[in-house]
Amino acid sequence: MYTADVLLPTYTDVVIVRLNATDADTADFTRLRYSIESGNVGNRFRVDADSGVLTLREGATEVDGMQDQYELTVGVTDGTFSSQATVRIAVRALESSGLRFTMPEFEAEVAENHDMVEHVALLPVVGRALNEHVTFALLNAGRHFSVHRTSGVVRTTGVAFDRELRDRYVVVVEARDERTPARVAHTQLHVHVIDVNDNAPVFVHQPYFAMVAVDAPVGSIVKKVNRPLLV
Protein backbone atom coordinates (compact mmCIF):
# COMPACT_ATOMS: atom_id res chain seq x y z
CA MET A 1 0.00 0.00 0.00
CA TYR A 2 1.33 3.41 -1.01
CA THR A 3 -0.17 6.70 0.21
CA ALA A 4 0.47 10.22 -1.05
CA ASP A 5 -0.93 13.74 -0.89
CA VAL A 6 -1.42 16.12 -3.82
CA LEU A 7 -1.63 19.80 -2.92
CA LEU A 8 -3.57 22.08 -5.28
CA PRO A 9 -2.59 23.90 -7.35
CA THR A 10 -0.22 21.27 -8.68
CA TYR A 11 1.86 20.96 -11.82
CA THR A 12 2.64 18.67 -14.73
CA ASP A 13 5.18 15.89 -14.03
CA VAL A 14 5.04 16.31 -10.24
CA VAL A 15 6.16 13.04 -8.64
CA ILE A 16 3.44 11.35 -6.60
CA VAL A 17 5.27 8.22 -5.40
CA ARG A 18 8.14 6.01 -6.49
CA LEU A 19 7.00 2.41 -6.81
CA ASN A 20 9.57 -0.18 -5.80
CA ALA A 21 9.46 -3.88 -6.57
CA THR A 22 12.13 -6.56 -6.18
CA ASP A 23 12.61 -9.94 -7.79
CA ALA A 24 14.76 -12.73 -6.35
CA ASP A 25 15.63 -14.15 -9.76
CA THR A 26 19.00 -13.49 -11.41
CA ALA A 27 19.55 -10.28 -13.38
CA ASP A 28 18.77 -12.03 -16.68
CA PHE A 29 15.16 -12.45 -15.56
CA THR A 30 14.53 -9.27 -13.59
CA ARG A 31 13.68 -6.55 -16.05
CA LEU A 32 10.62 -5.28 -14.22
CA ARG A 33 7.89 -3.25 -15.95
CA TYR A 34 5.41 -1.08 -14.06
CA SER A 35 1.89 -0.08 -15.11
CA ILE A 36 -1.36 1.44 -13.86
CA GLU A 37 -4.05 -1.22 -14.09
CA SER A 38 -7.15 0.56 -12.78
CA GLY A 39 -8.46 3.58 -10.93
CA ASN A 40 -6.86 6.22 -13.16
CA VAL A 41 -10.04 8.30 -13.48
CA GLY A 42 -9.65 11.04 -16.07
CA ASN A 43 -6.23 9.65 -17.01
CA ARG A 44 -4.70 12.00 -14.42
CA PHE A 45 -1.64 9.90 -13.65
CA ARG A 46 1.09 8.03 -15.48
CA VAL A 47 3.88 5.72 -14.42
CA ASP A 48 7.30 5.27 -16.00
CA ALA A 49 7.37 1.63 -17.02
CA ASP A 50 11.07 1.22 -16.19
CA SER A 51 11.61 3.33 -13.05
CA GLY A 52 8.19 3.02 -11.39
CA VAL A 53 7.94 6.78 -10.85
CA LEU A 54 4.26 7.76 -10.70
CA THR A 55 3.66 11.35 -11.84
CA LEU A 56 0.82 13.74 -12.54
CA ARG A 57 0.02 13.87 -16.24
CA GLU A 58 -1.22 17.48 -16.23
CA GLY A 59 -1.22 20.33 -13.75
CA ALA A 60 -4.44 21.18 -11.93
CA THR A 61 -6.01 23.93 -9.83
CA GLU A 62 -8.86 23.85 -7.35
CA VAL A 63 -11.43 24.22 -10.16
CA ASP A 64 -10.11 21.56 -12.51
CA GLY A 65 -12.46 18.87 -11.24
CA MET A 66 -9.95 16.55 -9.56
CA GLN A 67 -11.49 14.10 -7.14
CA ASP A 68 -10.77 14.37 -3.43
CA GLN A 69 -9.19 10.93 -3.51
CA TYR A 70 -7.91 8.41 -6.05
CA GLU A 71 -7.19 4.74 -5.50
CA LEU A 72 -4.96 3.25 -8.19
CA THR A 73 -4.15 -0.38 -8.70
CA VAL A 74 -0.60 -0.62 -10.01
CA GLY A 75 1.14 -3.67 -11.38
CA VAL A 76 4.65 -4.91 -11.96
CA THR A 77 5.74 -7.83 -14.13
CA ASP A 78 8.94 -9.58 -15.13
CA GLY A 79 7.31 -10.83 -18.31
CA THR A 80 6.07 -14.06 -16.76
CA PHE A 81 4.94 -13.31 -13.22
CA SER A 82 3.20 -10.22 -11.91
CA SER A 83 2.23 -8.52 -8.68
CA GLN A 84 -0.09 -5.69 -7.69
CA ALA A 85 -0.23 -2.89 -5.13
CA THR A 86 -2.57 -0.03 -4.23
CA VAL A 87 -1.77 3.68 -4.33
CA ARG A 88 -4.11 5.96 -2.37
CA ILE A 89 -3.81 9.62 -3.32
CA ALA A 90 -5.51 12.34 -1.28
CA VAL A 91 -6.09 15.68 -3.03
CA ARG A 92 -6.48 18.89 -1.04
CA ALA A 93 -5.99 22.61 -1.50
CA LEU A 94 -2.73 24.21 -0.39
CA GLU A 95 -3.75 26.52 2.44
CA SER A 96 -2.25 29.99 2.80
CA SER A 97 -0.03 29.68 5.85
CA GLY A 98 2.26 32.71 5.73
CA LEU A 99 5.19 30.71 4.38
CA ARG A 100 5.79 31.68 0.76
CA PHE A 101 8.46 32.21 -1.84
CA THR A 102 9.39 35.81 -2.58
CA MET A 103 8.03 35.38 -6.11
CA PRO A 104 5.34 33.07 -7.55
CA GLU A 105 7.65 32.31 -10.49
CA PHE A 106 11.38 32.68 -11.13
CA GLU A 107 13.35 32.91 -14.39
CA ALA A 108 16.84 31.56 -15.17
CA GLU A 109 19.03 30.56 -18.10
CA VAL A 110 21.43 27.70 -18.81
CA ALA A 111 23.81 27.20 -21.72
CA GLU A 112 23.29 24.47 -24.27
CA ASN A 113 25.82 21.59 -24.17
CA HIS A 114 27.22 22.76 -20.83
CA ASP A 115 27.96 19.77 -18.61
CA MET A 116 29.32 21.44 -15.47
CA VAL A 117 27.46 21.58 -12.14
CA GLU A 118 26.49 25.23 -11.65
CA HIS A 119 24.10 27.34 -9.62
CA VAL A 120 20.95 28.26 -11.57
CA ALA A 121 18.93 30.31 -9.09
CA LEU A 122 18.42 31.04 -5.41
CA LEU A 123 14.77 30.72 -4.34
CA PRO A 124 14.29 32.52 -1.01
CA VAL A 125 11.21 32.19 1.19
CA VAL A 126 9.64 34.62 3.64
CA GLY A 127 7.30 34.11 6.60
CA ARG A 128 9.54 31.98 8.77
CA ALA A 129 10.77 32.85 12.23
CA LEU A 130 14.39 33.64 13.02
CA ASN A 131 16.51 30.46 12.76
CA GLU A 132 13.46 28.39 11.77
CA HIS A 133 14.52 25.57 9.48
CA VAL A 134 12.92 25.18 6.05
CA THR A 135 13.72 22.32 3.68
CA PHE A 136 13.48 22.45 -0.11
CA ALA A 137 12.67 19.71 -2.64
CA LEU A 138 12.00 19.37 -6.36
CA LEU A 139 8.55 17.93 -7.07
CA ASN A 140 8.80 17.09 -10.76
CA ALA A 141 10.87 14.27 -12.14
CA GLY A 142 14.00 15.19 -14.07
CA ARG A 143 17.70 14.54 -14.28
CA HIS A 144 18.98 18.02 -15.13
CA PHE A 145 18.38 19.86 -11.84
CA SER A 146 18.77 19.46 -8.10
CA VAL A 147 18.05 21.74 -5.15
CA HIS A 148 20.09 22.15 -1.98
CA ARG A 149 17.94 20.86 0.85
CA THR A 150 18.45 23.78 3.25
CA SER A 151 19.55 26.76 1.13
CA GLY A 152 17.03 26.62 -1.73
CA VAL A 153 19.78 26.92 -4.36
CA VAL A 154 18.83 25.15 -7.60
CA ARG A 155 21.78 23.67 -9.49
CA THR A 156 22.41 21.74 -12.67
CA THR A 157 23.48 18.12 -12.27
CA GLY A 158 26.10 18.00 -15.02
CA VAL A 159 23.79 16.45 -17.62
CA ALA A 160 24.24 18.48 -20.82
CA PHE A 161 21.30 20.39 -22.30
CA ASP A 162 20.32 20.06 -25.96
CA ARG A 163 18.23 23.01 -27.09
CA GLU A 164 17.21 21.21 -30.28
CA LEU A 165 15.47 18.62 -28.12
CA ARG A 166 14.07 20.96 -25.45
CA ASP A 167 14.47 24.70 -25.05
CA ARG A 168 12.64 25.28 -21.76
CA TYR A 169 12.17 23.55 -18.41
CA VAL A 170 9.67 24.29 -15.64
CA VAL A 171 11.05 23.16 -12.29
CA VAL A 172 8.55 22.92 -9.42
CA VAL A 173 10.09 23.62 -6.01
CA GLU A 174 8.55 23.01 -2.59
CA ALA A 175 9.51 24.62 0.71
CA ARG A 176 8.38 22.98 3.96
CA ASP A 177 8.99 23.98 7.57
CA GLU A 178 9.24 21.74 10.65
CA ARG A 179 6.00 22.75 12.35
CA THR A 180 3.17 20.29 13.01
CA PRO A 181 1.35 20.37 10.70
CA ALA A 182 4.06 21.64 8.38
CA ARG A 183 3.55 24.81 6.40
CA VAL A 184 4.17 24.34 2.66
CA ALA A 185 4.88 26.73 -0.22
CA HIS A 186 5.37 26.08 -3.93
CA THR A 187 6.95 28.03 -6.78
CA GLN A 188 7.99 27.46 -10.40
CA LEU A 189 11.43 28.09 -11.87
CA HIS A 190 11.34 28.65 -15.64
CA VAL A 191 14.74 27.72 -17.08
CA HIS A 192 15.51 28.74 -20.66
CA VAL A 193 18.24 26.95 -22.63
CA ILE A 194 20.48 29.43 -24.48
CA ASP A 195 21.15 28.35 -28.05
CA VAL A 196 24.72 27.60 -29.11
CA ASN A 197 25.77 27.39 -32.75
CA ASP A 198 26.75 23.72 -32.59
CA ASN A 199 25.44 22.43 -35.94
CA ALA A 200 26.87 22.98 -39.41
CA PRO A 201 24.67 24.08 -42.34
CA VAL A 202 23.84 21.31 -44.81
CA PHE A 203 22.95 21.69 -48.50
CA VAL A 204 19.93 19.71 -49.66
CA HIS A 205 19.47 17.79 -52.91
CA GLN A 206 23.17 17.20 -53.49
CA PRO A 207 24.83 16.71 -55.95
CA TYR A 208 23.83 19.53 -58.32
CA PHE A 209 24.07 19.27 -62.14
CA ALA A 210 24.00 22.07 -64.71
CA MET A 211 24.68 22.76 -68.39
CA VAL A 212 26.43 25.81 -69.81
CA ALA A 213 26.39 26.93 -73.46
CA VAL A 214 29.84 27.14 -74.99
CA ASP A 215 29.19 30.77 -75.98
CA ALA A 216 27.70 31.86 -72.64
CA PRO A 217 29.01 35.31 -71.64
CA VAL A 218 30.99 35.84 -68.48
CA GLY A 219 28.69 36.32 -65.50
CA SER A 220 25.88 34.14 -66.83
CA ILE A 221 23.92 32.26 -64.18
CA VAL A 222 24.83 28.57 -64.24
CA LYS A 223 22.40 27.24 -61.62
CA LYS A 224 20.67 28.41 -58.48
CA VAL A 225 21.33 25.94 -55.71
CA ASN A 226 18.83 25.45 -52.90
CA ARG A 227 19.20 27.57 -49.82
CA PRO A 228 21.27 25.74 -47.19
CA LEU A 229 19.28 24.08 -44.46
CA LEU A 230 20.40 24.85 -40.90
CA VAL A 231 20.03 21.85 -38.59
C-alpha atoms as a PDB file:
ATOM      1  CA  MET A   1       0.000   0.000   0.000  1.00  0.00           C
ATOM      2  CA  TYR A   2       1.333   3.414  -1.012  1.00  0.00           C
ATOM      3  CA  THR A   3      -0.174   6.696   0.215  1.00  0.00           C
ATOM      4  CA  ALA A   4       0.473  10.219  -1.054  1.00  0.00           C
ATOM      5  CA  ASP A   5      -0.927  13.743  -0.894  1.00  0.00           C
ATOM      6  CA  VAL A   6      -1.417  16.116  -3.822  1.00  0.00           C
ATOM      7  CA  LEU A   7      -1.635  19.800  -2.924  1.00  0.00           C
ATOM      8  CA  LEU A   8      -3.572  22.077  -5.283  1.00  0.00           C
ATOM      9  CA  PRO A   9      -2.590  23.903  -7.352  1.00  0.00           C
ATOM     10  CA  THR A  10      -0.223  21.269  -8.683  1.00  0.00           C
ATOM     11  CA  TYR A  11       1.858  20.965 -11.817  1.00  0.00           C
ATOM     12  CA  THR A  12       2.645  18.674 -14.728  1.00  0.00           C
ATOM     13  CA  ASP A  13       5.179  15.887 -14.028  1.00  0.00           C
ATOM     14  CA  VAL A  14       5.036  16.314 -10.242  1.00  0.00           C
ATOM     15  CA  VAL A  15       6.163  13.041  -8.644  1.00  0.00           C
ATOM     16  CA  ILE A  16       3.440  11.350  -6.598  1.00  0.00           C
ATOM     17  CA  VAL A  17       5.267   8.220  -5.401  1.00  0.00           C
ATOM     18  CA  ARG A  18       8.142   6.007  -6.490  1.00  0.00           C
ATOM     19  CA  LEU A  19       7.000   2.414  -6.806  1.00  0.00           C
ATOM     20  CA  ASN A  20       9.572  -0.175  -5.804  1.00  0.00           C
ATOM     21  CA  ALA A  21       9.461  -3.882  -6.572  1.00  0.00           C
ATOM     22  CA  THR A  22      12.133  -6.559  -6.183  1.00  0.00           C
ATOM     23  CA  ASP A  23      12.614  -9.944  -7.792  1.00  0.00           C
ATOM     24  CA  ALA A  24      14.756 -12.730  -6.347  1.00  0.00           C
ATOM     25  CA  ASP A  25      15.634 -14.148  -9.764  1.00  0.00           C
ATOM     26  CA  THR A  26      19.001 -13.491 -11.407  1.00  0.00           C
ATOM     27  CA  ALA A  27      19.546 -10.281 -13.378  1.00  0.00           C
ATOM     28  CA  ASP A  28      18.774 -12.025 -16.683  1.00  0.00           C
ATOM     29  CA  PHE A  29      15.161 -12.453 -15.561  1.00  0.00           C
ATOM     30  CA  THR A  30      14.534  -9.269 -13.591  1.00  0.00           C
ATOM     31  CA  ARG A  31      13.677  -6.550 -16.049  1.00  0.00           C
ATOM     32  CA  LEU A  32      10.615  -5.284 -14.224  1.00  0.00           C
ATOM     33  CA  ARG A  33       7.890  -3.249 -15.950  1.00  0.00           C
ATOM     34  CA  TYR A  34       5.409  -1.085 -14.055  1.00  0.00           C
ATOM     35  CA  SER A  35       1.887  -0.081 -15.107  1.00  0.00           C
ATOM     36  CA  ILE A  36      -1.365   1.442 -13.859  1.00  0.00           C
ATOM     37  CA  GLU A  37      -4.049  -1.217 -14.086  1.00  0.00           C
ATOM     38  CA  SER A  38      -7.149   0.561 -12.783  1.00  0.00           C
ATOM     39  CA  GLY A  39      -8.459   3.584 -10.934  1.00  0.00           C
ATOM     40  CA  ASN A  40      -6.859   6.216 -13.165  1.00  0.00           C
ATOM     41  CA  VAL A  41     -10.037   8.305 -13.479  1.00  0.00           C
ATOM     42  CA  GLY A  42      -9.653  11.038 -16.068  1.00  0.00           C
ATOM     43  CA  ASN A  43      -6.228   9.649 -17.010  1.00  0.00           C
ATOM     44  CA  ARG A  44      -4.701  12.004 -14.423  1.00  0.00           C
ATOM     45  CA  PHE A  45      -1.640   9.902 -13.645  1.00  0.00           C
ATOM     46  CA  ARG A  46       1.086   8.027 -15.479  1.00  0.00           C
ATOM     47  CA  VAL A  47       3.879   5.716 -14.421  1.00  0.00           C
ATOM     48  CA  ASP A  48       7.296   5.268 -15.997  1.00  0.00           C
ATOM     49  CA  ALA A  49       7.371   1.627 -17.019  1.00  0.00           C
ATOM     50  CA  ASP A  50      11.070   1.223 -16.190  1.00  0.00           C
ATOM     51  CA  SER A  51      11.610   3.327 -13.053  1.00  0.00           C
ATOM     52  CA  GLY A  52       8.188   3.016 -11.394  1.00  0.00           C
ATOM     53  CA  VAL A  53       7.939   6.778 -10.851  1.00  0.00           C
ATOM     54  CA  LEU A  54       4.260   7.759 -10.702  1.00  0.00           C
ATOM     55  CA  THR A  55       3.663  11.348 -11.839  1.00  0.00           C
ATOM     56  CA  LEU A  56       0.824  13.742 -12.536  1.00  0.00           C
ATOM     57  CA  ARG A  57       0.025  13.872 -16.242  1.00  0.00           C
ATOM     58  CA  GLU A  58      -1.218  17.476 -16.231  1.00  0.00           C
ATOM     59  CA  GLY A  59      -1.219  20.329 -13.751  1.00  0.00           C
ATOM     60  CA  ALA A  60      -4.437  21.179 -11.932  1.00  0.00           C
ATOM     61  CA  THR A  61      -6.005  23.929  -9.832  1.00  0.00           C
ATOM     62  CA  GLU A  62      -8.864  23.855  -7.352  1.00  0.00           C
ATOM     63  CA  VAL A  63     -11.428  24.216 -10.161  1.00  0.00           C
ATOM     64  CA  ASP A  64     -10.111  21.558 -12.507  1.00  0.00           C
ATOM     65  CA  GLY A  65     -12.460  18.866 -11.238  1.00  0.00           C
ATOM     66  CA  MET A  66      -9.951  16.552  -9.564  1.00  0.00           C
ATOM     67  CA  GLN A  67     -11.489  14.102  -7.141  1.00  0.00           C
ATOM     68  CA  ASP A  68     -10.770  14.369  -3.434  1.00  0.00           C
ATOM     69  CA  GLN A  69      -9.188  10.933  -3.513  1.00  0.00           C
ATOM     70  CA  TYR A  70      -7.907   8.409  -6.046  1.00  0.00           C
ATOM     71  CA  GLU A  71      -7.186   4.741  -5.501  1.00  0.00           C
ATOM     72  CA  LEU A  72      -4.964   3.246  -8.191  1.00  0.00           C
ATOM     73  CA  THR A  73      -4.154  -0.382  -8.698  1.00  0.00           C
ATOM     74  CA  VAL A  74      -0.602  -0.616 -10.006  1.00  0.00           C
ATOM     75  CA  GLY A  75       1.142  -3.674 -11.376  1.00  0.00           C
ATOM     76  CA  VAL A  76       4.654  -4.913 -11.959  1.00  0.00           C
ATOM     77  CA  THR A  77       5.737  -7.830 -14.132  1.00  0.00           C
ATOM     78  CA  ASP A  78       8.939  -9.580 -15.131  1.00  0.00           C
ATOM     79  CA  GLY A  79       7.309 -10.831 -18.314  1.00  0.00           C
ATOM     80  CA  THR A  80       6.068 -14.064 -16.757  1.00  0.00           C
ATOM     81  CA  PHE A  81       4.940 -13.312 -13.218  1.00  0.00           C
ATOM     82  CA  SER A  82       3.198 -10.220 -11.915  1.00  0.00           C
ATOM     83  CA  SER A  83       2.230  -8.519  -8.679  1.00  0.00           C
ATOM     84  CA  GLN A  84      -0.094  -5.687  -7.686  1.00  0.00           C
ATOM     85  CA  ALA A  85      -0.230  -2.892  -5.129  1.00  0.00           C
ATOM     86  CA  THR A  86      -2.575  -0.035  -4.231  1.00  0.00           C
ATOM     87  CA  VAL A  87      -1.773   3.684  -4.335  1.00  0.00           C
ATOM     88  CA  ARG A  88      -4.114   5.955  -2.368  1.00  0.00           C
ATOM     89  CA  ILE A  89      -3.809   9.622  -3.325  1.00  0.00           C
ATOM     90  CA  ALA A  90      -5.512  12.341  -1.280  1.00  0.00           C
ATOM     91  CA  VAL A  91      -6.094  15.681  -3.035  1.00  0.00           C
ATOM     92  CA  ARG A  92      -6.477  18.892  -1.045  1.00  0.00           C
ATOM     93  CA  ALA A  93      -5.990  22.613  -1.500  1.00  0.00           C
ATOM     94  CA  LEU A  94      -2.734  24.212  -0.386  1.00  0.00           C
ATOM     95  CA  GLU A  95      -3.755  26.520   2.445  1.00  0.00           C
ATOM     96  CA  SER A  96      -2.254  29.986   2.797  1.00  0.00           C
ATOM     97  CA  SER A  97      -0.026  29.677   5.851  1.00  0.00           C
ATOM     98  CA  GLY A  98       2.258  32.712   5.728  1.00  0.00           C
ATOM     99  CA  LEU A  99       5.193  30.708   4.377  1.00  0.00           C
ATOM    100  CA  ARG A 100       5.793  31.677   0.762  1.00  0.00           C
ATOM    101  CA  PHE A 101       8.461  32.212  -1.843  1.00  0.00           C
ATOM    102  CA  THR A 102       9.388  35.808  -2.576  1.00  0.00           C
ATOM    103  CA  MET A 103       8.035  35.382  -6.110  1.00  0.00           C
ATOM    104  CA  PRO A 104       5.342  33.070  -7.545  1.00  0.00           C
ATOM    105  CA  GLU A 105       7.648  32.312 -10.492  1.00  0.00           C
ATOM    106  CA  PHE A 106      11.382  32.680 -11.131  1.00  0.00           C
ATOM    107  CA  GLU A 107      13.350  32.909 -14.390  1.00  0.00           C
ATOM    108  CA  ALA A 108      16.837  31.562 -15.166  1.00  0.00           C
ATOM    109  CA  GLU A 109      19.033  30.563 -18.096  1.00  0.00           C
ATOM    110  CA  VAL A 110      21.430  27.699 -18.807  1.00  0.00           C
ATOM    111  CA  ALA A 111      23.805  27.202 -21.718  1.00  0.00           C
ATOM    112  CA  GLU A 112      23.289  24.475 -24.270  1.00  0.00           C
ATOM    113  CA  ASN A 113      25.821  21.593 -24.172  1.00  0.00           C
ATOM    114  CA  HIS A 114      27.221  22.765 -20.830  1.00  0.00           C
ATOM    115  CA  ASP A 115      27.964  19.767 -18.613  1.00  0.00           C
ATOM    116  CA  MET A 116      29.318  21.438 -15.475  1.00  0.00           C
ATOM    117  CA  VAL A 117      27.464  21.575 -12.144  1.00  0.00           C
ATOM    118  CA  GLU A 118      26.492  25.226 -11.651  1.00  0.00           C
ATOM    119  CA  HIS A 119      24.096  27.339  -9.624  1.00  0.00           C
ATOM    120  CA  VAL A 120      20.951  28.259 -11.569  1.00  0.00           C
ATOM    121  CA  ALA A 121      18.932  30.310  -9.087  1.00  0.00           C
ATOM    122  CA  LEU A 122      18.424  31.042  -5.406  1.00  0.00           C
ATOM    123  CA  LEU A 123      14.770  30.720  -4.344  1.00  0.00           C
ATOM    124  CA  PRO A 124      14.288  32.517  -1.010  1.00  0.00           C
ATOM    125  CA  VAL A 125      11.210  32.190   1.190  1.00  0.00           C
ATOM    126  CA  VAL A 126       9.637  34.616   3.641  1.00  0.00           C
ATOM    127  CA  GLY A 127       7.303  34.112   6.597  1.00  0.00           C
ATOM    128  CA  ARG A 128       9.543  31.979   8.771  1.00  0.00           C
ATOM    129  CA  ALA A 129      10.767  32.847  12.233  1.00  0.00           C
ATOM    130  CA  LEU A 130      14.387  33.639  13.023  1.00  0.00           C
ATOM    131  CA  ASN A 131      16.510  30.462  12.757  1.00  0.00           C
ATOM    132  CA  GLU A 132      13.455  28.391  11.773  1.00  0.00           C
ATOM    133  CA  HIS A 133      14.522  25.574   9.480  1.00  0.00           C
ATOM    134  CA  VAL A 134      12.918  25.184   6.047  1.00  0.00           C
ATOM    135  CA  THR A 135      13.716  22.321   3.679  1.00  0.00           C
ATOM    136  CA  PHE A 136      13.483  22.446  -0.112  1.00  0.00           C
ATOM    137  CA  ALA A 137      12.675  19.714  -2.639  1.00  0.00           C
ATOM    138  CA  LEU A 138      11.998  19.372  -6.362  1.00  0.00           C
ATOM    139  CA  LEU A 139       8.555  17.931  -7.073  1.00  0.00           C
ATOM    140  CA  ASN A 140       8.797  17.086 -10.760  1.00  0.00           C
ATOM    141  CA  ALA A 141      10.873  14.272 -12.141  1.00  0.00           C
ATOM    142  CA  GLY A 142      14.000  15.193 -14.072  1.00  0.00           C
ATOM    143  CA  ARG A 143      17.702  14.538 -14.276  1.00  0.00           C
ATOM    144  CA  HIS A 144      18.978  18.016 -15.131  1.00  0.00           C
ATOM    145  CA  PHE A 145      18.379  19.862 -11.844  1.00  0.00           C
ATOM    146  CA  SER A 146      18.766  19.456  -8.099  1.00  0.00           C
ATOM    147  CA  VAL A 147      18.047  21.738  -5.148  1.00  0.00           C
ATOM    148  CA  HIS A 148      20.090  22.145  -1.978  1.00  0.00           C
ATOM    149  CA  ARG A 149      17.939  20.858   0.850  1.00  0.00           C
ATOM    150  CA  THR A 150      18.447  23.782   3.253  1.00  0.00           C
ATOM    151  CA  SER A 151      19.547  26.764   1.129  1.00  0.00           C
ATOM    152  CA  GLY A 152      17.035  26.620  -1.732  1.00  0.00           C
ATOM    153  CA  VAL A 153      19.775  26.920  -4.361  1.00  0.00           C
ATOM    154  CA  VAL A 154      18.834  25.148  -7.603  1.00  0.00           C
ATOM    155  CA  ARG A 155      21.782  23.673  -9.489  1.00  0.00           C
ATOM    156  CA  THR A 156      22.409  21.739 -12.668  1.00  0.00           C
ATOM    157  CA  THR A 157      23.476  18.116 -12.272  1.00  0.00           C
ATOM    158  CA  GLY A 158      26.103  17.997 -15.018  1.00  0.00           C
ATOM    159  CA  VAL A 159      23.794  16.454 -17.617  1.00  0.00           C
ATOM    160  CA  ALA A 160      24.243  18.484 -20.817  1.00  0.00           C
ATOM    161  CA  PHE A 161      21.303  20.386 -22.296  1.00  0.00           C
ATOM    162  CA  ASP A 162      20.322  20.058 -25.963  1.00  0.00           C
ATOM    163  CA  ARG A 163      18.229  23.009 -27.088  1.00  0.00           C
ATOM    164  CA  GLU A 164      17.207  21.212 -30.285  1.00  0.00           C
ATOM    165  CA  LEU A 165      15.466  18.616 -28.118  1.00  0.00           C
ATOM    166  CA  ARG A 166      14.074  20.959 -25.445  1.00  0.00           C
ATOM    167  CA  ASP A 167      14.470  24.700 -25.050  1.00  0.00           C
ATOM    168  CA  ARG A 168      12.637  25.276 -21.757  1.00  0.00           C
ATOM    169  CA  TYR A 169      12.170  23.552 -18.405  1.00  0.00           C
ATOM    170  CA  VAL A 170       9.668  24.286 -15.640  1.00  0.00           C
ATOM    171  CA  VAL A 171      11.053  23.163 -12.293  1.00  0.00           C
ATOM    172  CA  VAL A 172       8.553  22.922  -9.422  1.00  0.00           C
ATOM    173  CA  VAL A 173      10.094  23.622  -6.011  1.00  0.00           C
ATOM    174  CA  GLU A 174       8.547  23.006  -2.594  1.00  0.00           C
ATOM    175  CA  ALA A 175       9.510  24.620   0.710  1.00  0.00           C
ATOM    176  CA  ARG A 176       8.380  22.983   3.961  1.00  0.00           C
ATOM    177  CA  ASP A 177       8.995  23.983   7.575  1.00  0.00           C
ATOM    178  CA  GLU A 178       9.236  21.741  10.654  1.00  0.00           C
ATOM    179  CA  ARG A 179       5.997  22.745  12.352  1.00  0.00           C
ATOM    180  CA  THR A 180       3.169  20.293  13.012  1.00  0.00           C
ATOM    181  CA  PRO A 181       1.347  20.365  10.700  1.00  0.00           C
ATOM    182  CA  ALA A 182       4.060  21.636   8.382  1.00  0.00           C
ATOM    183  CA  ARG A 183       3.545  24.810   6.397  1.00  0.00           C
ATOM    184  CA  VAL A 184       4.173  24.338   2.663  1.00  0.00           C
ATOM    185  CA  ALA A 185       4.881  26.726  -0.219  1.00  0.00           C
ATOM    186  CA  HIS A 186       5.371  26.085  -3.931  1.00  0.00           C
ATOM    187  CA  THR A 187       6.953  28.027  -6.782  1.00  0.00           C
ATOM    188  CA  GLN A 188       7.992  27.463 -10.401  1.00  0.00           C
ATOM    189  CA  LEU A 189      11.434  28.087 -11.869  1.00  0.00           C
ATOM    190  CA  HIS A 190      11.342  28.645 -15.644  1.00  0.00           C
ATOM    191  CA  VAL A 191      14.738  27.720 -17.078  1.00  0.00           C
ATOM    192  CA  HIS A 192      15.512  28.744 -20.661  1.00  0.00           C
ATOM    193  CA  VAL A 193      18.241  26.948 -22.631  1.00  0.00           C
ATOM    194  CA  ILE A 194      20.476  29.425 -24.483  1.00  0.00           C
ATOM    195  CA  ASP A 195      21.152  28.354 -28.054  1.00  0.00           C
ATOM    196  CA  VAL A 196      24.723  27.596 -29.105  1.00  0.00           C
ATOM    197  CA  ASN A 197      25.767  27.390 -32.747  1.00  0.00           C
ATOM    198  CA  ASP A 198      26.754  23.719 -32.594  1.00  0.00           C
ATOM    199  CA  ASN A 199      25.439  22.431 -35.938  1.00  0.00           C
ATOM    200  CA  ALA A 200      26.870  22.979 -39.406  1.00  0.00           C
ATOM    201  CA  PRO A 201      24.668  24.082 -42.341  1.00  0.00           C
ATOM    202  CA  VAL A 202      23.841  21.310 -44.811  1.00  0.00           C
ATOM    203  CA  PHE A 203      22.949  21.693 -48.499  1.00  0.00           C
ATOM    204  CA  VAL A 204      19.933  19.711 -49.660  1.00  0.00           C
ATOM    205  CA  HIS A 205      19.473  17.791 -52.907  1.00  0.00           C
ATOM    206  CA  GLN A 206      23.165  17.198 -53.495  1.00  0.00           C
ATOM    207  CA  PRO A 207      24.833  16.710 -55.947  1.00  0.00           C
ATOM    208  CA  TYR A 208      23.827  19.534 -58.325  1.00  0.00           C
ATOM    209  CA  PHE A 209      24.065  19.268 -62.136  1.00  0.00           C
ATOM    210  CA  ALA A 210      24.002  22.073 -64.710  1.00  0.00           C
ATOM    211  CA  MET A 211      24.678  22.756 -68.394  1.00  0.00           C
ATOM    212  CA  VAL A 212      26.433  25.809 -69.809  1.00  0.00           C
ATOM    213  CA  ALA A 213      26.389  26.928 -73.458  1.00  0.00           C
ATOM    214  CA  VAL A 214      29.840  27.142 -74.995  1.00  0.00           C
ATOM    215  CA  ASP A 215      29.190  30.767 -75.980  1.00  0.00           C
ATOM    216  CA  ALA A 216      27.704  31.859 -72.637  1.00  0.00           C
ATOM    217  CA  PRO A 217      29.006  35.307 -71.645  1.00  0.00           C
ATOM    218  CA  VAL A 218      30.989  35.836 -68.479  1.00  0.00           C
ATOM    219  CA  GLY A 219      28.686  36.319 -65.497  1.00  0.00           C
ATOM    220  CA  SER A 220      25.880  34.145 -66.829  1.00  0.00           C
ATOM    221  CA  ILE A 221      23.920  32.257 -64.185  1.00  0.00           C
ATOM    222  CA  VAL A 222      24.833  28.567 -64.244  1.00  0.00           C
ATOM    223  CA  LYS A 223      22.397  27.238 -61.618  1.00  0.00           C
ATOM    224  CA  LYS A 224      20.666  28.414 -58.484  1.00  0.00           C
ATOM    225  CA  VAL A 225      21.325  25.938 -55.705  1.00  0.00           C
ATOM    226  CA  ASN A 226      18.825  25.454 -52.899  1.00  0.00           C
ATOM    227  CA  ARG A 227      19.196  27.574 -49.820  1.00  0.00           C
ATOM    228  CA  PRO A 228      21.271  25.744 -47.186  1.00  0.00           C
ATOM    229  CA  LEU A 229      19.281  24.080 -44.461  1.00  0.00           C
ATOM    230  CA  LEU A 230      20.400  24.849 -40.897  1.00  0.00           C
ATOM    231  CA  VAL A 231      20.028  21.851 -38.587  1.00  0.00           C
END
